[in-house]
Amino acid sequence: MHEINRSKTDAGRTRSLTGGTLKRILLLTGLVVGLAAVGSAFAGGPKADKVGAITFEPKQGYVLGDINGQQGWTKTGGYDVAVASVATFPAASGYGFGTQALRLSNAVVSGSFGDQTFSPGLATPTGEGSAAAHFSARFKIGTTQSTVQPGLFTSVSPDNGSGGRMSYLRFEDQLDGVHVFFDDVTDNGPVGTVATFNETDIATLSRAKAHSIRFAIDFKSGPGNDVVKVFIDGKKMITGTTWENYYRYDPEAAGSGNLVPTTSKLLFREGGSAPDASPATLGNGFLVDGVSLKSSAGHSQDNGKNKHHGKNDKNNGNNGNNNDHGQHHGHGQPGH
């Protein structure tokens, strides 16, 4: 039987091969078209955007002195924020920084926002309705001195570049170390309802080393459902929410139409009124290095160890206390 099949005429073999080849060509064509369509969909979709890591080194174009105007950073106010030589501060010798870092103090403060210190921004901002719904930011922080600098503080917030803060960490140098405070917002509406800012002391950091800080924020459509996670040295210290409902409902946000801002930068703020300034910290304060920001379409994964939510952290001295510090529970954003 096989011999008979093989003894078909050349014309018959041609017809048989042509039919099989056509089928294979059609199948392959369909596969290629399908893959091209999938690739086109991904190409047209949102792409991850990243800034950094910024190490403030000369090879990245940074020079000693005022940070304003350097590689996309802005600081138009007269704040004590500058690129500094790490060697100037012996206490920082073991931080693992390079030769330069961003130094900042609250020797000069103000209640303004737009003239404070802003990082370079992401080309694709994150937020509700944005193609990028996940924001991540990292940096390392340490003190210039091994002993307490009385009155020293700074705050760091994911921001839109003009004071539209969507989360908040404040670092305060106290006798037992640097306390880290996290603030989120409760406001169930409707428009005109005053928001409550909830403050939690999430960690106390040793001055003996620099510490890695990470914000991971998932922006979700609808009110009161964004998720903020804060990691310190790889450990998740707290899960909360953004300030979205402050902007959505609080009367203070009426001037901007109660619109929720997007997020594309980090704000390093020396906020407050004259009594909050600590002139003795001039030329000292905190050192910041390894700043990076990222936006993406997907939601975050914890990727953290020993997860916490206000529990004692033996290593970091976290006491987990709610602490309004006399200023934050009630109307108005944190002053610092």
Protein backbone atom coordinates (compact mmCIF):
# COMPACT_ATOMS: atom_id res chain seq x y z
CA MET A 1 0.00 0.00 0.00
CA HIS A 2 2.82 2.32 0.86
CA GLU A 3 4.54 1.54 -2.40
CA ILE A 4 1.39 2.36 -4.33
CA ASN A 5 1.07 5.71 -2.58
CA ARG A 6 4.67 6.56 -3.28
CA SER A 7 4.25 5.64 -6.96
CA LYS A 8 1.75 8.41 -7.62
CA THR A 9 2.49 10.64 -10.57
CA ASP A 10 4.64 13.71 -10.19
CA ALA A 11 1.53 15.82 -10.67
CA GLY A 12 -0.19 13.99 -7.84
CA ARG A 13 2.80 14.48 -5.55
CA THR A 14 2.83 18.15 -6.43
CA ARG A 15 -0.84 18.51 -5.59
CA SER A 16 -0.37 16.67 -2.28
CA LEU A 17 2.66 18.73 -1.20
CA THR A 18 1.03 21.96 -2.27
CA GLY A 19 -2.03 21.28 -0.15
CA GLY A 20 0.06 20.39 2.96
CA THR A 21 2.34 23.37 2.50
CA LEU A 22 -0.58 25.75 2.15
CA LYS A 23 -2.10 24.48 5.38
CA ARG A 24 1.18 24.97 7.22
CA ILE A 25 1.63 28.45 5.71
CA LEU A 26 -1.89 29.43 6.76
CA LEU A 27 -1.31 28.16 10.30
CA LEU A 28 2.01 29.97 10.60
CA THR A 29 0.52 33.15 9.14
CA GLY A 30 -2.28 33.06 11.70
CA LEU A 31 0.23 32.56 14.51
CA VAL A 32 2.41 35.45 13.34
CA VAL A 33 -0.59 37.75 12.99
CA GLY A 34 -1.80 36.78 16.45
CA LEU A 35 1.59 37.41 18.03
CA ALA A 36 1.87 40.73 16.21
CA ALA A 37 -1.51 41.78 17.58
CA VAL A 38 -0.47 40.86 21.13
CA GLY A 39 2.84 42.69 20.70
CA SER A 40 1.03 45.72 19.36
CA ALA A 41 -1.29 45.73 22.33
CA PHE A 42 1.65 45.65 24.73
CA ALA A 43 3.50 48.29 22.74
CA GLY A 44 0.50 50.57 22.87
CA GLY A 45 -0.05 49.98 26.58
CA PRO A 46 1.60 51.76 29.50
CA LYS A 47 5.31 51.21 30.02
CA ALA A 48 7.23 51.36 33.27
CA ASP A 49 8.97 54.68 33.79
CA LYS A 50 11.95 55.13 36.10
CA VAL A 51 14.18 57.85 37.53
CA GLY A 52 17.43 56.96 39.28
CA ALA A 53 19.00 55.64 41.27
CA ILE A 54 20.38 59.12 41.94
CA THR A 55 23.64 58.99 43.91
CA PHE A 56 24.60 62.69 43.58
CA GLU A 57 28.05 61.68 42.31
CA PRO A 58 30.15 63.77 39.90
CA LYS A 59 29.80 61.05 37.26
CA GLN A 60 26.04 61.78 37.26
CA GLY A 61 26.75 65.49 36.75
CA TYR A 62 26.31 66.66 40.36
CA VAL A 63 28.54 69.30 41.93
CA LEU A 64 28.87 70.46 45.51
CA GLY A 65 26.47 73.23 46.48
CA ASP A 66 22.86 74.24 46.01
CA ILE A 67 20.76 71.39 44.58
CA ASN A 68 18.50 73.76 42.64
CA GLY A 69 18.85 73.25 38.90
CA GLN A 70 21.04 70.17 39.16
CA GLN A 71 19.91 67.28 36.93
CA GLY A 72 16.21 68.11 37.20
CA TRP A 73 16.06 68.98 40.91
CA THR A 74 14.34 72.20 41.94
CA LYS A 75 14.55 74.27 45.14
CA THR A 76 13.84 77.93 44.61
CA GLY A 77 13.45 78.81 48.30
CA GLY A 78 16.30 79.64 50.64
CA TYR A 79 16.36 76.28 52.40
CA ASP A 80 19.47 74.59 53.75
CA VAL A 81 19.56 71.84 51.12
CA ALA A 82 22.70 71.13 49.08
CA VAL A 83 24.92 68.48 47.56
CA ALA A 84 27.64 67.84 50.15
CA SER A 85 30.85 65.89 50.50
CA VAL A 86 30.24 62.79 52.61
CA ALA A 87 33.81 62.98 53.93
CA THR A 88 32.83 66.18 55.76
CA PHE A 89 30.80 64.07 58.18
CA PRO A 90 32.79 61.31 59.95
CA ALA A 91 29.55 59.84 61.34
CA ALA A 92 28.55 58.95 57.77
CA SER A 93 31.72 57.01 56.94
CA GLY A 94 29.95 53.67 57.33
CA TYR A 95 26.76 54.55 55.46
CA GLY A 96 27.89 53.03 52.18
CA PHE A 97 27.30 56.25 50.28
CA GLY A 98 29.66 57.48 47.58
CA THR A 99 31.66 60.67 47.79
CA GLN A 100 28.60 62.96 47.67
CA ALA A 101 25.05 62.99 49.02
CA LEU A 102 22.13 65.39 49.41
CA ARG A 103 22.32 67.18 52.76
CA LEU A 104 19.28 68.89 54.23
CA SER A 105 18.25 70.50 57.49
CA ASN A 106 15.41 72.59 58.89
CA ALA A 107 17.62 75.54 59.74
CA VAL A 108 15.24 77.46 57.46
CA VAL A 109 11.54 76.55 57.19
CA SER A 110 8.36 77.96 55.69
CA GLY A 111 4.74 77.06 55.17
CA SER A 112 5.09 77.09 51.40
CA PHE A 113 5.33 74.17 49.00
CA GLY A 114 6.26 75.17 45.46
CA ASP A 115 9.70 76.52 46.40
CA GLN A 116 10.73 73.46 48.42
CA THR A 117 13.02 70.64 47.24
CA PHE A 118 11.61 68.40 44.48
CA SER A 119 13.27 65.43 42.82
CA PRO A 120 13.30 64.97 39.05
CA GLY A 121 9.91 63.72 37.86
CA LEU A 122 8.59 60.65 36.10
CA ALA A 123 7.51 61.15 32.51
CA THR A 124 4.48 58.95 33.22
CA PRO A 125 2.75 60.23 36.40
CA THR A 126 0.84 57.77 38.55
CA GLY A 127 -2.68 58.10 39.89
CA GLU A 128 -6.32 57.18 39.44
CA GLY A 129 -7.24 57.16 35.79
CA SER A 130 -3.58 57.18 34.78
CA ALA A 131 -2.06 54.50 32.59
CA ALA A 132 0.33 53.90 35.49
CA ALA A 133 -1.45 52.94 38.71
CA HIS A 134 1.58 51.94 40.79
CA PHE A 135 4.19 54.29 42.25
CA SER A 136 7.36 53.23 43.99
CA ALA A 137 10.09 55.41 45.48
CA ARG A 138 13.24 54.55 47.40
CA PHE A 139 15.97 56.47 49.15
CA LYS A 140 18.55 56.04 51.90
CA ILE A 141 18.76 58.40 54.85
CA GLY A 142 21.16 58.98 57.73
CA THR A 143 22.21 61.79 60.03
CA THR A 144 25.34 63.92 59.69
CA GLN A 145 26.07 63.49 63.39
CA SER A 146 26.25 60.44 65.66
CA THR A 147 24.52 62.36 68.46
CA VAL A 148 21.10 64.00 68.58
CA GLN A 149 20.63 67.30 66.73
CA PRO A 150 17.89 68.95 68.81
CA GLY A 151 14.86 70.04 66.83
CA LEU A 152 16.01 68.39 63.58
CA PHE A 153 13.29 67.10 61.27
CA THR A 154 12.41 66.75 57.61
CA SER A 155 9.47 65.26 55.73
CA VAL A 156 9.35 63.27 52.48
CA SER A 157 6.23 62.87 50.34
CA PRO A 158 5.21 61.44 46.97
CA ASP A 159 4.04 64.58 45.19
CA ASN A 160 2.98 66.11 41.86
CA GLY A 161 5.72 68.73 41.94
CA SER A 162 3.65 71.58 43.38
CA GLY A 163 2.71 70.39 46.86
CA GLY A 164 0.04 67.81 45.98
CA ARG A 165 1.24 65.33 48.60
CA MET A 166 -0.32 61.87 48.46
CA SER A 167 1.53 60.33 51.40
CA TYR A 168 3.91 61.48 54.10
CA LEU A 169 6.84 60.44 56.26
CA ARG A 170 8.47 62.72 58.81
CA PHE A 171 11.90 62.04 60.27
CA GLU A 172 12.56 63.58 63.70
CA ASP A 173 15.87 63.35 65.54
CA GLN A 174 15.15 62.59 69.19
CA LEU A 175 17.24 61.42 72.14
CA ASP A 176 16.69 57.71 71.44
CA GLY A 177 17.15 57.94 67.67
CA VAL A 178 15.37 59.18 64.57
CA HIS A 179 11.61 58.66 64.85
CA VAL A 180 9.65 58.04 61.66
CA PHE A 181 6.04 59.22 61.53
CA PHE A 182 3.52 58.14 58.89
CA ASP A 183 0.34 60.10 58.13
CA ASP A 184 -2.69 59.00 56.18
CA VAL A 185 -6.21 60.39 55.88
CA THR A 186 -9.75 59.48 56.90
CA ASP A 187 -12.61 61.32 55.20
CA ASN A 188 -15.79 59.54 54.10
CA GLY A 189 -17.30 62.63 52.49
CA PRO A 190 -19.40 64.22 51.17
CA VAL A 191 -17.68 67.26 49.68
CA GLY A 192 -17.13 69.80 52.43
CA THR A 193 -16.31 67.19 55.09
CA VAL A 194 -13.18 67.97 57.09
CA ALA A 195 -10.51 65.27 56.82
CA THR A 196 -8.71 63.67 59.75
CA PHE A 197 -4.97 63.11 59.43
CA ASN A 198 -3.93 59.98 61.31
CA GLU A 199 -0.34 59.90 62.51
CA THR A 200 1.57 56.81 63.60
CA ASP A 201 5.11 56.56 64.94
CA ILE A 202 6.28 53.55 62.90
CA ALA A 203 10.00 53.26 63.71
CA THR A 204 12.94 54.63 65.64
CA LEU A 205 16.12 54.49 63.60
CA SER A 206 19.67 54.13 64.86
CA ARG A 207 22.11 56.89 63.91
CA ALA A 208 24.86 54.29 63.52
CA LYS A 209 23.91 53.50 59.93
CA ALA A 210 21.92 54.72 56.96
CA HIS A 211 18.46 53.26 56.45
CA SER A 212 16.61 52.27 53.29
CA ILE A 213 13.12 53.74 52.89
CA ARG A 214 10.54 52.69 50.31
CA PHE A 215 7.06 53.89 49.42
CA ALA A 216 4.87 51.47 47.43
CA ILE A 217 1.52 52.96 46.39
CA ASP A 218 -1.32 51.40 44.42
CA PHE A 219 -3.82 53.94 43.11
CA LYS A 220 -7.30 52.47 42.63
CA SER A 221 -10.40 54.00 41.06
CA GLY A 222 -12.93 55.24 43.57
CA PRO A 223 -12.71 56.91 46.98
CA GLY A 224 -10.76 55.72 49.99
CA ASN A 225 -9.27 52.57 48.50
CA ASP A 226 -5.68 53.48 47.53
CA VAL A 227 -3.05 51.40 49.32
CA VAL A 228 0.23 52.76 50.72
CA LYS A 229 2.92 50.49 52.10
CA VAL A 230 6.07 51.78 53.78
CA PHE A 231 9.18 49.63 54.04
CA ILE A 232 12.22 50.39 56.18
CA ASP A 233 15.35 48.32 55.70
CA GLY A 234 13.32 45.76 53.78
CA LYS A 235 10.60 45.37 56.41
CA LYS A 236 7.03 46.47 55.85
CA MET A 237 6.32 48.83 58.72
CA ILE A 238 2.76 49.91 57.94
CA THR A 239 -0.06 49.69 55.41
CA GLY A 240 -2.36 52.67 55.07
CA THR A 241 -4.07 54.77 52.44
CA THR A 242 -3.23 57.89 50.45
CA TRP A 243 -4.51 61.42 50.96
CA GLU A 244 -6.96 61.02 48.07
CA ASN A 245 -10.06 61.70 50.19
CA TYR A 246 -8.57 64.89 51.59
CA TYR A 247 -8.43 66.25 48.05
CA ARG A 248 -11.78 64.71 47.11
CA TYR A 249 -13.85 66.04 50.05
CA ASP A 250 -12.01 68.47 52.34
CA PRO A 251 -13.02 72.16 52.04
CA GLU A 252 -9.33 73.14 51.97
CA ALA A 253 -9.11 71.40 48.58
CA ALA A 254 -12.09 73.25 47.11
CA GLY A 255 -9.80 75.76 45.42
CA SER A 256 -8.44 73.01 43.18
CA GLY A 257 -11.92 71.70 42.42
CA ASN A 258 -11.49 68.79 44.83
CA LEU A 259 -9.45 67.01 42.18
CA VAL A 260 -7.08 64.24 43.27
CA PRO A 261 -3.53 65.01 42.06
CA THR A 262 -1.24 62.61 40.25
CA THR A 263 2.17 61.63 41.62
CA SER A 264 5.48 61.94 39.79
CA LYS A 265 8.12 63.29 42.21
CA LEU A 266 9.40 63.20 45.77
CA LEU A 267 9.08 66.33 47.89
CA PHE A 268 11.72 66.87 50.58
CA ARG A 269 10.11 69.56 52.69
CA GLU A 270 11.41 71.86 55.40
CA GLY A 271 7.96 72.99 56.44
CA GLY A 272 6.59 74.89 59.38
CA SER A 273 6.58 78.32 60.94
CA ALA A 274 9.45 80.24 62.52
CA PRO A 275 9.37 78.39 65.87
CA ASP A 276 9.88 75.09 63.99
CA ALA A 277 13.23 76.14 62.54
CA SER A 278 16.43 74.81 64.11
CA PRO A 279 19.19 77.26 63.13
CA ALA A 280 21.81 75.15 64.94
CA THR A 281 21.38 72.43 62.29
CA LEU A 282 22.66 74.71 59.51
CA GLY A 283 25.22 72.82 57.46
CA ASN A 284 24.29 69.54 59.13
CA GLY A 285 21.03 67.60 59.41
CA PHE A 286 20.28 64.54 57.27
CA LEU A 287 22.10 62.93 54.36
CA VAL A 288 20.05 61.35 51.55
CA ASP A 289 21.33 59.10 48.78
CA GLY A 290 20.16 56.47 46.29
CA VAL A 291 16.94 58.23 45.31
CA SER A 292 14.83 56.37 42.73
CA LEU A 293 11.24 56.58 41.48
CA LYS A 294 9.22 54.23 39.31
CA SER A 295 5.75 54.16 37.79
CA SER A 296 4.13 51.06 36.31
CA ALA A 297 0.77 49.61 35.38
CA GLY A 298 0.77 46.70 37.81
CA HIS A 299 0.03 46.62 41.51
CA SER A 300 2.78 46.12 44.06
CA GLN A 301 4.09 42.97 45.65
CA ASP A 302 5.17 43.19 49.27
CA ASN A 303 8.71 41.85 48.75
CA GLY A 304 9.35 42.64 52.39
CA LYS A 305 10.34 40.62 55.44
CA ASN A 306 8.88 40.54 58.94
CA LYS A 307 5.78 42.51 58.08
CA HIS A 308 4.51 44.95 60.68
CA HIS A 309 1.55 47.14 61.29
CA GLY A 310 2.24 49.14 64.41
CA LYS A 311 3.89 46.25 66.27
CA ASN A 312 7.12 46.52 68.20
CA ASP A 313 10.16 46.21 65.99
CA LYS A 314 13.04 45.16 68.15
CA ASN A 315 15.68 46.07 65.60
CA ASN A 316 14.35 49.50 64.71
CA GLY A 317 12.90 50.39 68.10
CA ASN A 318 9.43 50.85 66.63
CA ASN A 319 6.98 51.53 69.42
CA GLY A 320 3.89 51.52 67.22
CA ASN A 321 2.18 54.30 69.12
CA ASN A 322 -0.35 56.59 67.53
CA ASN A 323 1.11 60.00 68.16
CA ASP A 324 -0.53 63.15 66.88
CA HIS A 325 2.39 65.23 68.15
CA GLY A 326 -0.15 67.90 69.02
CA GLN A 327 -0.89 68.86 65.44
CA HIS A 328 -2.25 66.28 63.06
CA HIS A 329 -5.53 64.78 64.19
CA GLY A 330 -8.11 67.09 62.73
CA HIS A 331 -8.34 69.71 60.01
CA GLY A 332 -5.31 70.64 57.98
CA GLN A 333 -2.34 68.85 56.50
CA PRO A 334 0.76 68.11 58.60
CA GLY A 335 2.69 71.34 59.03
CA HIS A 336 6.19 69.96 58.43
